[in-house]
């Protein structure tokens, strides 16, 4: 039942007369044709992130209709409202640069509007973390609804999907293995419908993580965007949102330390995107938790990759859905999970798994006795090159490069990379290590997905498919290769990466979790002392200045420091 501060009485503008404020509010909204019966109900806000520039959210209008149906059937008043919409390919300079802005938009709109609960509709990579960050800070009851993955396509009888196959075909094109006509044909085959990438990229990973966190309904992560299952889940999400409003089940009761541990476990088991490490650190930071990379790495050593999804495996998200989705993954991980963690259903994870659909034979989700990869998909590296940590998606790397020593070939920034990577005179050999500086949170700015350095064209034509590549940036979760990312501290703030020079020897040992620059400390200090700072190019106004002044490093989630929780509650994982 609606209380004094619920429904239309929530978040009233302060005129010194609350009843007058309510009178004005009702007068204006009645202009849209609403009756007092509707206006006396609990209000469920629905975040509308539809945009013509965001095909990953192309089904949002249909989801809005289904969520509203669910809210109305449960006696609530559904009201949608817009926020920023981010798409990877349509967010210059990078969607990561704008993620925190979207989180602020989400938080402040939830605070500003008279909503008793909120449905967060997101899909493309940075939208789900931005919404979870904003909702966590706002503190009201919330439930996540992902847009769902795109359908796969077909090229010459072969199933293809964005964007792992995008990168694979482009690699063939750079190597001269396919021509202009075929790459143009492929371009129209890779994306079979609206929706997010159909592999274990960041969007699909965050969908699985939202379900593992318990902030999305069981079984909601995997159904593709344009299926009836997706619409039914949207209706059920609307129904549950009304119940959340009645129960007052706040988001911090769901996003607990136990929930974050479950999410980290699922990230490792699905062979998910490295970007999820940054996003989980950011969401956790909004609730007072820090991410302990050393403990995360220990968790990785005992958590095998069970899901056979590209880029680490062979299948697509629609296959994961048919195989039983995240509930089936959770069943396989049951002994490693916090089963007492409360979920958005109002029941514990253990209670939900007890009623999960029965298992059946399939080859997409493996048992722990027969994993895709024996340990977690992501490993944490440390050494003098990355004292704050770096990560590698070992499950998608070349096994013969996981232990490697090579000569550094250094690119100072993204522009330098673009100018020289395909130069026929570039001094580079297959066993070298490609190093890219200044694409971190501040250096880029926005930590773009430029860590997936292309193989130099002259080596690609020789058949070279992979090399060790190191940067302080990120890469798409759809990418594969022996790629070291998130080197911290980043070069732009004086990290050791700044002082690497072409010809230096770098040692990578995933077994030992080491990333080492084989240069004496005295020489590194001499280089640091000798290097003169360049002209000040720091932004001086607007959001760019706010970003540069406040963004944290990768291990803290690249969030704004002033948005993190004021009270520290400990680290995750806890052991």
Protein backbone atom coordinates (compact mmCIF):
# COMPACT_ATOMS: atom_id res chain seq x y z
CA UNK A 1 0.00 0.00 0.00
CA UNK A 2 1.26 3.45 -0.89
CA UNK A 3 2.76 5.38 2.00
CA UNK A 4 3.08 9.09 2.63
CA UNK A 5 6.20 9.39 0.46
CA UNK A 6 5.33 6.80 -2.20
CA UNK A 7 3.67 7.10 -5.58
CA UNK A 8 3.04 10.64 -6.76
CA UNK A 9 4.01 11.94 -3.33
CA UNK A 10 7.61 10.87 -3.78
CA UNK A 11 10.39 13.38 -4.56
CA UNK A 12 8.09 16.40 -4.37
CA UNK A 13 9.47 19.78 -5.39
CA UNK A 14 9.89 21.92 -2.28
CA UNK A 15 7.59 24.94 -2.41
CA UNK A 16 7.09 24.99 1.34
CA UNK A 17 3.66 23.42 0.92
CA UNK A 18 3.76 19.68 0.12
CA UNK A 19 0.06 19.47 -0.70
CA UNK A 20 0.39 22.31 -3.20
CA UNK A 21 3.38 20.56 -4.77
CA UNK A 22 1.29 17.41 -5.17
CA UNK A 23 -1.61 19.46 -6.53
CA UNK A 24 0.63 20.99 -9.23
CA UNK A 25 2.18 17.65 -10.13
CA UNK A 26 -1.20 15.97 -10.59
CA UNK A 27 -2.55 18.90 -12.57
CA UNK A 28 0.25 18.64 -15.12
CA UNK A 29 0.26 14.84 -15.47
CA UNK A 30 -3.54 14.76 -15.78
CA UNK A 31 -3.00 16.68 -18.99
CA UNK A 32 -1.73 13.36 -20.35
CA UNK A 33 -5.14 11.82 -19.65
CA UNK A 34 -4.50 9.97 -16.39
CA UNK A 35 -7.21 9.47 -13.74
CA UNK A 36 -6.86 9.67 -9.98
CA UNK A 37 -7.15 5.88 -9.81
CA UNK A 38 -3.91 5.51 -11.77
CA UNK A 39 -2.16 8.35 -9.98
CA UNK A 40 -2.85 6.81 -6.56
CA UNK A 41 -0.86 3.66 -7.41
CA UNK A 42 2.77 2.81 -6.76
CA UNK A 43 4.95 4.19 -9.55
CA UNK A 44 7.41 2.01 -11.44
CA UNK A 45 9.89 4.01 -13.46
CA UNK A 46 11.20 2.37 -16.63
CA UNK A 47 14.49 3.62 -18.00
CA UNK A 48 14.18 4.11 -21.76
CA UNK A 49 17.59 3.85 -23.46
CA UNK A 50 16.28 3.53 -26.99
CA UNK A 51 18.19 5.48 -29.63
CA UNK A 52 18.46 5.50 -33.39
CA UNK A 53 22.22 5.35 -32.88
CA UNK A 54 21.98 2.22 -30.73
CA UNK A 55 20.96 -0.91 -32.66
CA UNK A 56 21.82 -2.98 -29.57
CA UNK A 57 18.73 -1.34 -28.04
CA UNK A 58 16.59 -1.59 -31.16
CA UNK A 59 13.98 -3.70 -29.34
CA UNK A 60 13.51 -1.25 -26.47
CA UNK A 61 10.06 -0.09 -27.69
CA UNK A 62 8.79 -3.69 -27.53
CA UNK A 63 10.39 -4.21 -24.12
CA UNK A 64 8.79 -1.03 -22.81
CA UNK A 65 5.38 -2.28 -23.88
CA UNK A 66 5.93 -5.65 -22.19
CA UNK A 67 7.26 -4.13 -18.96
CA UNK A 68 4.32 -1.74 -18.81
CA UNK A 69 1.95 -4.67 -19.31
CA UNK A 70 3.51 -6.46 -16.38
CA UNK A 71 3.34 -3.38 -14.15
CA UNK A 72 -0.32 -2.74 -14.98
CA UNK A 73 -1.27 -6.38 -14.43
CA UNK A 74 0.24 -6.12 -10.95
CA UNK A 75 -1.58 -2.91 -10.08
CA UNK A 76 1.24 -0.43 -10.53
CA UNK A 77 1.57 2.75 -12.59
CA UNK A 78 4.34 2.40 -15.22
CA UNK A 79 6.11 5.54 -16.42
CA UNK A 80 9.07 5.45 -18.78
CA UNK A 81 11.72 8.15 -18.82
CA UNK A 82 14.82 8.60 -21.00
CA UNK A 83 18.48 8.62 -20.10
CA UNK A 84 21.67 8.68 -22.11
CA UNK A 85 22.06 5.72 -24.49
CA UNK A 86 25.55 4.46 -25.32
CA UNK A 87 26.68 2.27 -28.20
CA UNK A 88 30.24 1.07 -28.72
CA UNK A 89 30.40 2.12 -32.36
CA UNK A 90 28.56 5.42 -31.92
CA UNK A 91 30.18 6.99 -28.85
CA UNK A 92 33.19 9.17 -29.62
CA UNK A 93 35.85 9.06 -28.28
CA UNK A 94 34.71 5.89 -26.52
CA UNK A 95 31.65 4.69 -24.67
CA UNK A 96 33.84 4.10 -21.61
CA UNK A 97 34.52 7.84 -21.50
CA UNK A 98 30.76 8.39 -21.22
CA UNK A 99 29.86 5.47 -18.93
CA UNK A 100 30.22 7.54 -15.77
CA UNK A 101 28.13 10.33 -17.27
CA UNK A 102 25.37 7.83 -18.01
CA UNK A 103 25.63 6.53 -14.46
CA UNK A 104 25.20 10.07 -13.12
CA UNK A 105 22.22 10.64 -15.41
CA UNK A 106 20.65 7.38 -14.21
CA UNK A 107 21.29 8.10 -10.53
CA UNK A 108 19.99 11.65 -10.60
CA UNK A 109 16.85 10.82 -12.58
CA UNK A 110 16.01 7.98 -10.16
CA UNK A 111 16.47 10.43 -7.29
CA UNK A 112 14.53 13.21 -8.98
CA UNK A 113 11.43 11.34 -10.11
CA UNK A 114 8.59 9.91 -7.98
CA UNK A 115 9.44 6.26 -8.57
CA UNK A 116 8.95 3.53 -5.97
CA UNK A 117 10.99 1.06 -8.01
CA UNK A 118 12.81 1.23 -11.31
CA UNK A 119 13.32 -1.14 -14.25
CA UNK A 120 16.73 -0.61 -15.87
CA UNK A 121 16.63 -1.49 -19.57
CA UNK A 122 20.17 -1.74 -20.92
CA UNK A 123 22.20 -3.87 -23.26
CA UNK A 124 25.25 -2.50 -25.03
CA UNK A 125 28.51 -2.82 -23.17
CA UNK A 126 28.63 0.25 -20.92
CA UNK A 127 24.89 0.70 -20.38
CA UNK A 128 24.31 -2.14 -17.91
CA UNK A 129 27.27 -1.19 -15.67
CA UNK A 130 26.29 2.49 -15.88
CA UNK A 131 22.75 1.65 -14.81
CA UNK A 132 23.87 -0.59 -11.97
CA UNK A 133 26.32 2.06 -10.78
CA UNK A 134 23.66 4.78 -10.86
CA UNK A 135 20.95 2.64 -9.27
CA UNK A 136 23.34 1.45 -6.55
CA UNK A 137 24.08 5.06 -5.63
CA UNK A 138 20.41 6.08 -5.78
CA UNK A 139 19.45 3.29 -3.40
CA UNK A 140 15.86 2.63 -4.50
CA UNK A 141 14.46 -0.80 -5.41
CA UNK A 142 15.70 -1.69 -8.90
CA UNK A 143 15.69 -4.60 -11.32
CA UNK A 144 17.80 -5.03 -14.45
CA UNK A 145 16.37 -6.05 -17.81
CA UNK A 146 18.89 -6.60 -20.60
CA UNK A 147 17.90 -6.10 -24.22
CA UNK A 148 19.26 -9.50 -25.27
CA UNK A 149 21.67 -10.65 -27.95
CA UNK A 150 21.31 -10.37 -31.70
CA UNK A 151 20.61 -13.37 -33.88
CA UNK A 152 23.54 -14.89 -35.74
CA UNK A 153 24.01 -14.62 -39.48
CA UNK A 154 25.45 -16.89 -42.14
CA UNK A 155 28.27 -16.51 -44.65
CA UNK A 156 28.87 -19.22 -47.25
CA UNK A 157 27.09 -21.75 -45.07
CA UNK A 158 29.00 -20.85 -41.92
CA UNK A 159 27.31 -19.36 -38.85
CA UNK A 160 28.74 -15.94 -38.03
CA UNK A 161 28.04 -13.31 -35.42
CA UNK A 162 29.31 -10.00 -34.13
CA UNK A 163 31.81 -9.26 -33.22
CA UNK A 164 34.34 -12.06 -32.82
CA UNK A 165 33.74 -13.00 -36.44
CA UNK A 166 34.02 -9.30 -37.41
CA UNK A 167 37.57 -9.34 -36.12
CA UNK A 168 38.40 -12.72 -37.61
CA UNK A 169 37.27 -11.74 -41.10
CA UNK A 170 39.00 -8.38 -40.89
CA UNK A 171 42.20 -10.22 -39.95
CA UNK A 172 41.81 -12.37 -43.07
CA UNK A 173 41.26 -9.21 -45.11
CA UNK A 174 44.38 -7.49 -43.71
CA UNK A 175 46.37 -10.61 -44.51
CA UNK A 176 45.13 -10.56 -48.11
CA UNK A 177 43.32 -13.87 -47.66
CA UNK A 178 39.95 -12.46 -48.78
CA UNK A 179 39.25 -9.63 -51.21
CA UNK A 180 37.22 -6.40 -51.19
CA UNK A 181 34.12 -8.08 -52.57
CA UNK A 182 34.01 -10.76 -49.88
CA UNK A 183 34.67 -8.41 -46.96
CA UNK A 184 31.82 -6.22 -48.23
CA UNK A 185 29.55 -9.26 -48.41
CA UNK A 186 30.53 -10.36 -44.90
CA UNK A 187 29.73 -6.89 -43.58
CA UNK A 188 26.05 -7.46 -44.31
CA UNK A 189 25.96 -10.96 -42.77
CA UNK A 190 27.53 -10.54 -39.35
CA UNK A 191 24.58 -8.98 -37.51
CA UNK A 192 21.35 -10.95 -37.89
CA UNK A 193 19.04 -8.61 -35.96
CA UNK A 194 18.97 -5.85 -33.39
CA UNK A 195 20.48 -6.78 -30.05
CA UNK A 196 23.87 -7.02 -28.42
CA UNK A 197 26.88 -9.01 -29.65
CA UNK A 198 26.10 -12.70 -29.93
CA UNK A 199 29.31 -13.92 -28.29
CA UNK A 200 30.83 -13.64 -24.81
CA UNK A 201 31.65 -9.98 -25.34
CA UNK A 202 31.12 -7.34 -22.69
CA UNK A 203 27.38 -6.97 -23.28
CA UNK A 204 26.66 -10.69 -22.97
CA UNK A 205 29.08 -10.97 -20.06
CA UNK A 206 27.34 -8.15 -18.19
CA UNK A 207 23.98 -9.78 -18.88
CA UNK A 208 25.23 -13.00 -17.28
CA UNK A 209 26.77 -11.04 -14.43
CA UNK A 210 23.53 -9.14 -13.74
CA UNK A 211 21.75 -12.48 -13.37
CA UNK A 212 24.56 -13.88 -11.21
CA UNK A 213 24.41 -10.77 -9.01
CA UNK A 214 20.74 -11.52 -8.45
CA UNK A 215 19.65 -8.11 -9.75
CA UNK A 216 17.98 -9.62 -12.84
CA UNK A 217 15.39 -12.39 -12.99
CA UNK A 218 16.60 -16.01 -13.24
CA UNK A 219 16.93 -17.06 -16.86
CA UNK A 220 16.86 -13.48 -18.15
CA UNK A 221 20.42 -13.11 -19.47
CA UNK A 222 20.52 -15.36 -22.51
CA UNK A 223 17.27 -15.10 -24.56
CA UNK A 224 17.95 -13.22 -27.81
CA UNK A 225 16.52 -9.76 -28.32
CA UNK A 226 13.86 -10.59 -30.89
CA UNK A 227 12.39 -13.71 -29.27
CA UNK A 228 9.11 -14.26 -27.46
CA UNK A 229 11.13 -15.36 -24.43
CA UNK A 230 12.67 -11.89 -24.20
CA UNK A 231 9.24 -10.22 -24.22
CA UNK A 232 7.88 -12.61 -21.61
CA UNK A 233 10.84 -11.87 -19.36
CA UNK A 234 10.15 -8.15 -19.79
CA UNK A 235 6.55 -8.64 -18.65
CA UNK A 236 7.68 -10.68 -15.63
CA UNK A 237 10.25 -8.00 -14.84
CA UNK A 238 7.48 -5.38 -14.77
CA UNK A 239 5.42 -7.56 -12.45
CA UNK A 240 8.34 -8.09 -10.10
CA UNK A 241 9.11 -4.35 -10.06
CA UNK A 242 5.71 -3.65 -8.51
CA UNK A 243 6.36 -6.27 -5.85
CA UNK A 244 9.76 -4.72 -5.13
CA UNK A 245 8.07 -1.38 -4.60
CA UNK A 246 5.59 -2.93 -2.17
CA UNK A 247 8.29 -4.83 -0.30
CA UNK A 248 10.78 -1.97 -0.27
CA UNK A 249 13.60 -4.37 -1.21
CA UNK A 250 16.45 -1.91 -1.82
CA UNK A 251 19.32 -2.57 -4.19
CA UNK A 252 21.96 -2.73 -1.45
CA UNK A 253 20.17 -5.73 0.05
CA UNK A 254 20.87 -7.58 -3.21
CA UNK A 255 24.26 -6.24 -4.28
CA UNK A 256 26.16 -7.62 -1.29
CA UNK A 257 29.69 -8.95 -0.93
CA UNK A 258 28.29 -12.46 -1.46
CA UNK A 259 26.57 -11.35 -4.67
CA UNK A 260 29.76 -9.82 -6.06
CA UNK A 261 31.65 -13.03 -5.32
CA UNK A 262 29.03 -15.02 -7.23
CA UNK A 263 29.30 -12.60 -10.15
CA UNK A 264 33.09 -12.84 -10.26
CA UNK A 265 32.79 -16.63 -10.23
CA UNK A 266 30.39 -16.59 -13.18
CA UNK A 267 32.60 -14.13 -15.07
CA UNK A 268 35.42 -16.65 -14.87
CA UNK A 269 33.25 -19.66 -15.71
CA UNK A 270 31.73 -18.15 -18.85
CA UNK A 271 35.12 -17.02 -20.17
CA UNK A 272 33.73 -13.52 -20.10
CA UNK A 273 35.03 -10.13 -21.11
CA UNK A 274 38.01 -8.56 -19.36
CA UNK A 275 36.00 -5.32 -19.29
CA UNK A 276 33.72 -6.87 -16.68
CA UNK A 277 36.56 -6.70 -14.15
CA UNK A 278 36.57 -2.90 -14.48
CA UNK A 279 32.78 -2.65 -14.40
CA UNK A 280 32.35 -4.88 -11.35
CA UNK A 281 34.99 -2.86 -9.53
CA UNK A 282 33.01 0.30 -10.35
CA UNK A 283 29.63 -1.10 -9.25
CA UNK A 284 31.18 -2.53 -6.08
CA UNK A 285 32.82 0.83 -5.37
CA UNK A 286 29.42 2.52 -5.36
CA UNK A 287 28.46 0.26 -2.45
CA UNK A 288 31.68 0.60 -0.48
CA UNK A 289 33.55 -2.49 -1.69
CA UNK A 290 36.95 -2.65 -3.36
CA UNK A 291 38.03 -5.35 -5.80
CA UNK A 292 40.96 -7.41 -4.51
CA UNK A 293 42.77 -8.53 -7.66
CA UNK A 294 44.99 -11.01 -5.79
CA UNK A 295 41.97 -12.80 -4.34
CA UNK A 296 40.23 -12.64 -7.71
CA UNK A 297 43.23 -14.38 -9.25
CA UNK A 298 43.08 -17.10 -6.58
CA UNK A 299 39.41 -17.54 -7.42
CA UNK A 300 40.41 -17.86 -11.08
CA UNK A 301 42.79 -20.72 -10.35
CA UNK A 302 39.95 -22.81 -8.90
CA UNK A 303 37.19 -21.83 -11.36
CA UNK A 304 37.29 -23.55 -14.76
CA UNK A 305 35.77 -22.14 -17.92
CA UNK A 306 32.58 -24.14 -18.47
CA UNK A 307 30.80 -22.27 -21.26
CA UNK A 308 31.76 -22.97 -24.85
CA UNK A 309 31.18 -19.47 -26.23
CA UNK A 310 33.24 -17.46 -28.68
CA UNK A 311 35.85 -16.05 -28.51
CA UNK A 312 37.22 -18.69 -26.10
CA UNK A 313 34.92 -21.39 -27.50
CA UNK A 314 32.73 -22.13 -30.52
CA UNK A 315 29.11 -21.21 -29.78
CA UNK A 316 26.87 -18.12 -29.57
CA UNK A 317 24.46 -16.64 -27.02
CA UNK A 318 21.40 -18.19 -28.67
CA UNK A 319 23.08 -21.56 -28.13
CA UNK A 320 23.64 -20.73 -24.46
CA UNK A 321 19.94 -19.90 -24.16
CA UNK A 322 18.92 -23.24 -25.66
CA UNK A 323 21.38 -25.03 -23.37
CA UNK A 324 19.75 -23.69 -20.21
CA UNK A 325 21.32 -20.26 -19.85
CA UNK A 326 22.85 -18.87 -16.68
CA UNK A 327 20.71 -21.08 -14.36
CA UNK A 328 22.45 -24.13 -15.84
CA UNK A 329 25.87 -22.49 -15.36
CA UNK A 330 24.99 -21.70 -11.75
CA UNK A 331 23.94 -25.32 -11.18
CA UNK A 332 27.35 -26.50 -12.40
CA UNK A 333 29.05 -23.99 -10.07
CA UNK A 334 26.75 -24.65 -7.13
CA UNK A 335 29.43 -25.86 -4.74
CA UNK A 336 31.48 -22.69 -5.34
CA UNK A 337 28.65 -20.16 -4.86
CA UNK A 338 27.18 -18.22 -1.97
CA UNK A 339 23.75 -19.84 -2.02
CA UNK A 340 22.41 -17.65 0.80
CA UNK A 341 22.75 -14.50 -1.33
CA UNK A 342 19.41 -12.74 -1.69
CA UNK A 343 18.14 -12.15 -5.22
CA UNK A 344 15.71 -9.67 -6.73
CA UNK A 345 13.01 -12.35 -6.57
CA UNK A 346 13.04 -12.02 -2.78
CA UNK A 347 14.43 -15.54 -2.49
CA UNK A 348 17.99 -16.75 -2.08
CA UNK A 349 20.09 -18.06 -4.92
CA UNK A 350 19.94 -21.52 -3.36
CA UNK A 351 16.14 -21.42 -3.31
CA UNK A 352 16.08 -20.37 -6.97
CA UNK A 353 18.47 -23.13 -8.01
CA UNK A 354 16.39 -25.69 -6.15
CA UNK A 355 13.56 -24.93 -8.57
CA UNK A 356 15.68 -24.45 -11.69
CA UNK A 357 14.68 -26.51 -14.74
CA UNK A 358 16.19 -30.00 -14.92
CA UNK A 359 19.43 -30.44 -16.84
CA UNK A 360 19.64 -32.20 -20.18
CA UNK A 361 22.43 -33.29 -22.52
CA UNK A 362 24.07 -30.49 -24.52
CA UNK A 363 27.61 -29.36 -25.39
CA UNK A 364 27.52 -25.63 -24.67
CA UNK A 365 27.75 -25.73 -20.86
CA UNK A 366 30.24 -28.27 -19.57
CA UNK A 367 30.39 -29.93 -16.13
CA UNK A 368 33.32 -29.01 -13.89
CA UNK A 369 34.77 -32.46 -14.55
CA UNK A 370 35.09 -31.68 -18.27
CA UNK A 371 35.79 -27.94 -18.64
CA UNK A 372 36.57 -25.92 -21.76
CA UNK A 373 39.61 -24.50 -19.98
CA UNK A 374 40.98 -25.83 -16.68
CA UNK A 375 41.18 -22.52 -14.82
CA UNK A 376 39.38 -19.17 -15.02
CA UNK A 377 39.31 -17.25 -18.26
CA UNK A 378 41.14 -14.25 -16.78
CA UNK A 379 44.50 -14.10 -14.97
CA UNK A 380 45.98 -11.20 -13.01
CA UNK A 381 49.60 -10.27 -13.69
CA UNK A 382 52.00 -8.20 -11.62
CA UNK A 383 55.62 -7.09 -11.85
CA UNK A 384 57.68 -3.95 -12.26
CA UNK A 385 55.76 -3.14 -15.43
CA UNK A 386 52.39 -3.39 -13.67
CA UNK A 387 52.72 -2.90 -9.89
CA UNK A 388 49.02 -2.03 -9.75
CA UNK A 389 48.14 -5.10 -11.78
CA UNK A 390 47.33 -6.09 -15.35
CA UNK A 391 45.08 -8.78 -16.76
CA UNK A 392 45.05 -11.26 -19.61
CA UNK A 393 42.20 -13.33 -20.99
CA UNK A 394 44.21 -16.54 -20.93
CA UNK A 395 41.37 -18.70 -22.23
CA UNK A 396 41.38 -16.75 -25.52
CA UNK A 397 45.19 -16.51 -25.85
CA UNK A 398 47.62 -18.64 -27.84
CA UNK A 399 48.94 -21.36 -25.49
CA UNK A 400 52.47 -21.12 -26.90
CA UNK A 401 52.65 -17.39 -26.05
CA UNK A 402 51.53 -17.59 -22.43
CA UNK A 403 55.21 -18.03 -21.48
CA UNK A 404 57.22 -15.58 -23.58
CA UNK A 405 60.22 -13.26 -23.65
CA UNK A 406 60.47 -10.78 -26.46
CA UNK A 407 61.81 -7.48 -27.66
CA UNK A 408 59.47 -4.53 -27.21
CA UNK A 409 58.25 -2.64 -30.25
CA UNK A 410 56.80 0.53 -28.77
CA UNK A 411 54.04 2.86 -29.96
CA UNK A 412 53.65 6.04 -27.95
CA UNK A 413 49.92 6.47 -28.51
CA UNK A 414 47.06 5.49 -30.79
CA UNK A 415 48.07 7.99 -33.47
CA UNK A 416 51.62 6.63 -33.54
CA UNK A 417 50.20 3.11 -33.86
CA UNK A 418 48.01 4.12 -36.79
CA UNK A 419 50.93 5.84 -38.52
CA UNK A 420 53.45 3.00 -38.24
CA UNK A 421 51.83 -0.39 -37.67
CA UNK A 422 51.53 -1.14 -41.39
CA UNK A 423 54.75 0.57 -42.45
CA UNK A 424 56.76 -1.90 -44.54
CA UNK A 425 59.92 -0.53 -42.90
CA UNK A 426 58.70 -1.20 -39.35
CA UNK A 427 61.38 -3.19 -37.51
CA UNK A 428 59.24 -6.02 -36.13
CA UNK A 429 59.40 -9.79 -35.97
CA UNK A 430 56.75 -12.36 -34.94
CA UNK A 431 58.44 -13.02 -31.59
CA UNK A 432 58.47 -9.32 -30.62
CA UNK A 433 56.11 -7.77 -28.08
CA UNK A 434 53.92 -4.91 -29.31
CA UNK A 435 53.54 -2.18 -26.66
CA UNK A 436 51.03 0.65 -26.86
CA UNK A 437 51.15 3.50 -24.35
CA UNK A 438 48.77 6.29 -23.39
CA UNK A 439 45.41 4.61 -23.97
CA UNK A 440 44.51 4.35 -20.30
CA UNK A 441 41.72 6.13 -18.41
CA UNK A 442 43.46 9.52 -18.53
CA UNK A 443 45.86 9.02 -21.42
CA UNK A 444 43.31 8.45 -24.16
CA UNK A 445 41.11 9.71 -22.45
CA UNK A 446 38.49 7.08 -21.69
CA UNK A 447 40.51 3.85 -21.91
CA UNK A 448 39.38 2.80 -25.42
CA UNK A 449 39.32 -0.78 -26.67
CA UNK A 450 42.55 -0.18 -28.59
CA UNK A 451 44.44 -2.84 -26.66
CA UNK A 452 43.63 -5.27 -29.48
CA UNK A 453 46.59 -4.05 -31.55
CA UNK A 454 46.44 -5.26 -35.14
CA UNK A 455 49.11 -7.63 -36.34
CA UNK A 456 51.48 -5.58 -38.54
CA UNK A 457 50.29 -6.10 -42.09
CA UNK A 458 53.64 -7.37 -43.34
CA UNK A 459 53.56 -10.09 -40.64
CA UNK A 460 49.90 -10.86 -41.27
CA UNK A 461 50.72 -11.57 -44.90
CA UNK A 462 53.33 -14.06 -43.67
CA UNK A 463 50.63 -15.94 -41.77
CA UNK A 464 51.24 -14.52 -38.28
CA UNK A 465 47.92 -14.70 -36.39
CA UNK A 466 48.93 -13.68 -32.87
CA UNK A 467 51.62 -11.81 -30.96
CA UNK A 468 52.01 -10.70 -27.36
CA UNK A 469 50.49 -7.24 -27.08
CA UNK A 470 50.60 -4.99 -24.01
CA UNK A 471 48.84 -1.71 -23.20
CA UNK A 472 47.19 0.34 -20.47
CA UNK A 473 43.91 0.21 -22.41
CA UNK A 474 41.10 -2.28 -22.83
CA UNK A 475 39.96 -4.63 -25.58
CA UNK A 476 36.55 -5.76 -26.68
CA UNK A 477 35.26 -8.89 -25.00
CA UNK A 478 34.67 -10.23 -28.50
CA UNK A 479 38.42 -10.22 -29.26
CA UNK A 480 40.92 -13.05 -28.87
CA UNK A 481 44.68 -13.14 -28.69
CA UNK A 482 47.60 -12.98 -26.26
CA UNK A 483 46.80 -9.49 -25.08
CA UNK A 484 47.81 -7.94 -21.77
CA UNK A 485 45.50 -5.13 -20.70
CA UNK A 486 44.78 -2.59 -17.95
CA UNK A 487 48.46 -2.10 -17.10
CA UNK A 488 48.41 0.02 -13.95
CA UNK A 489 49.50 2.66 -13.21
CA UNK A 490 48.94 3.86 -16.76
CA UNK A 491 51.63 5.63 -18.77
CA UNK A 492 49.89 9.01 -18.67
CA UNK A 493 50.35 9.30 -14.90
CA UNK A 494 53.96 8.14 -14.90
CA UNK A 495 53.56 4.36 -14.65
CA UNK A 496 56.49 2.15 -15.65
CA UNK A 497 54.85 1.61 -19.04
CA UNK A 498 55.72 5.21 -19.88
CA UNK A 499 59.43 4.38 -19.76
CA UNK A 500 59.45 1.29 -21.99
CA UNK A 501 61.58 1.74 -25.11
CA UNK A 502 61.83 -0.25 -28.31
CA UNK A 503 64.45 -2.95 -27.83
CA UNK A 504 63.73 -3.55 -24.13
CA UNK A 505 63.03 -7.16 -23.24
CA UNK A 506 59.69 -8.04 -21.64
CA UNK A 507 58.88 -11.31 -19.91
CA UNK A 508 55.32 -12.62 -19.75
CA UNK A 509 54.62 -15.65 -17.58
CA UNK A 510 50.97 -16.46 -17.02
CA UNK A 511 51.93 -19.51 -14.97
CA UNK A 512 53.92 -17.28 -12.58
CA UNK A 513 51.51 -14.34 -13.03
CA UNK A 514 54.44 -12.10 -13.99
CA UNK A 515 54.75 -9.13 -16.34
CA UNK A 516 58.33 -7.96 -16.09
CA UNK A 517 60.36 -5.33 -17.91
CA UNK A 518 63.93 -6.62 -17.88
CA UNK A 519 65.48 -3.23 -17.30
CA UNK A 520 67.25 -2.35 -14.02
CA UNK A 521 65.39 -0.11 -11.61
CA UNK A 522 68.24 2.41 -11.77
CA UNK A 523 67.84 2.73 -15.55
CA UNK A 524 64.09 3.15 -15.28
CA UNK A 525 64.63 5.91 -12.71
CA UNK A 526 67.20 7.56 -14.98
CA UNK A 527 64.70 7.52 -17.84
CA UNK A 528 62.01 8.98 -15.62
CA UNK A 529 64.33 11.78 -14.47
CA UNK A 530 65.47 12.53 -18.02
CA UNK A 531 62.07 12.66 -19.67
CA UNK A 532 60.61 16.10 -19.97
CA UNK A 533 56.86 16.49 -19.62
CA UNK A 534 55.15 17.53 -22.82
CA UNK A 535 52.96 20.59 -23.20
CA UNK A 536 49.86 20.60 -21.05
CA UNK A 537 47.07 19.04 -23.07
CA UNK A 538 44.74 18.38 -20.15
CA UNK A 539 41.15 19.46 -20.88
CA UNK A 540 40.17 22.75 -19.24
CA UNK A 541 36.40 22.69 -19.30
CA UNK A 542 33.30 20.56 -19.45
CA UNK A 543 32.83 16.89 -18.85
CA UNK A 544 36.31 16.11 -20.22
CA UNK A 545 37.89 18.14 -17.41
CA UNK A 546 35.70 16.46 -14.81
CA UNK A 547 36.73 13.09 -16.23
CA UNK A 548 40.46 13.85 -16.22
CA UNK A 549 40.32 15.28 -12.69
CA UNK A 550 38.32 12.48 -11.10
CA UNK A 551 38.71 9.15 -12.94
CA UNK A 552 40.39 6.32 -11.06
CA UNK A 553 42.65 3.59 -12.44
CA UNK A 554 41.37 0.32 -13.87
CA UNK A 555 41.58 -1.66 -10.62
CA UNK A 556 39.19 0.84 -9.02
CA UNK A 557 36.77 0.66 -11.91
CA UNK A 558 37.64 3.88 -13.78
CA UNK A 559 34.84 5.51 -11.80
CA UNK A 560 34.87 9.09 -10.57
CA UNK A 561 36.33 9.22 -7.10
CA UNK A 562 33.60 11.51 -5.82
CA UNK A 563 30.94 8.99 -6.88
CA UNK A 564 32.32 6.13 -4.81
CA UNK A 565 30.58 5.26 -1.54
CA UNK A 566 31.55 7.35 1.45
CA UNK A 567 31.70 4.33 3.78
CA UNK A 568 34.14 1.50 3.09
CA UNK A 569 32.66 -1.98 3.66
CA UNK A 570 35.58 -4.24 2.76
CA UNK A 571 37.01 -6.01 -0.27
CA UNK A 572 35.66 -8.66 -2.62
CA UNK A 573 36.26 -11.52 -2.98
CA UNK A 574 36.53 -11.84 0.78
CA UNK A 575 38.88 -14.81 0.74
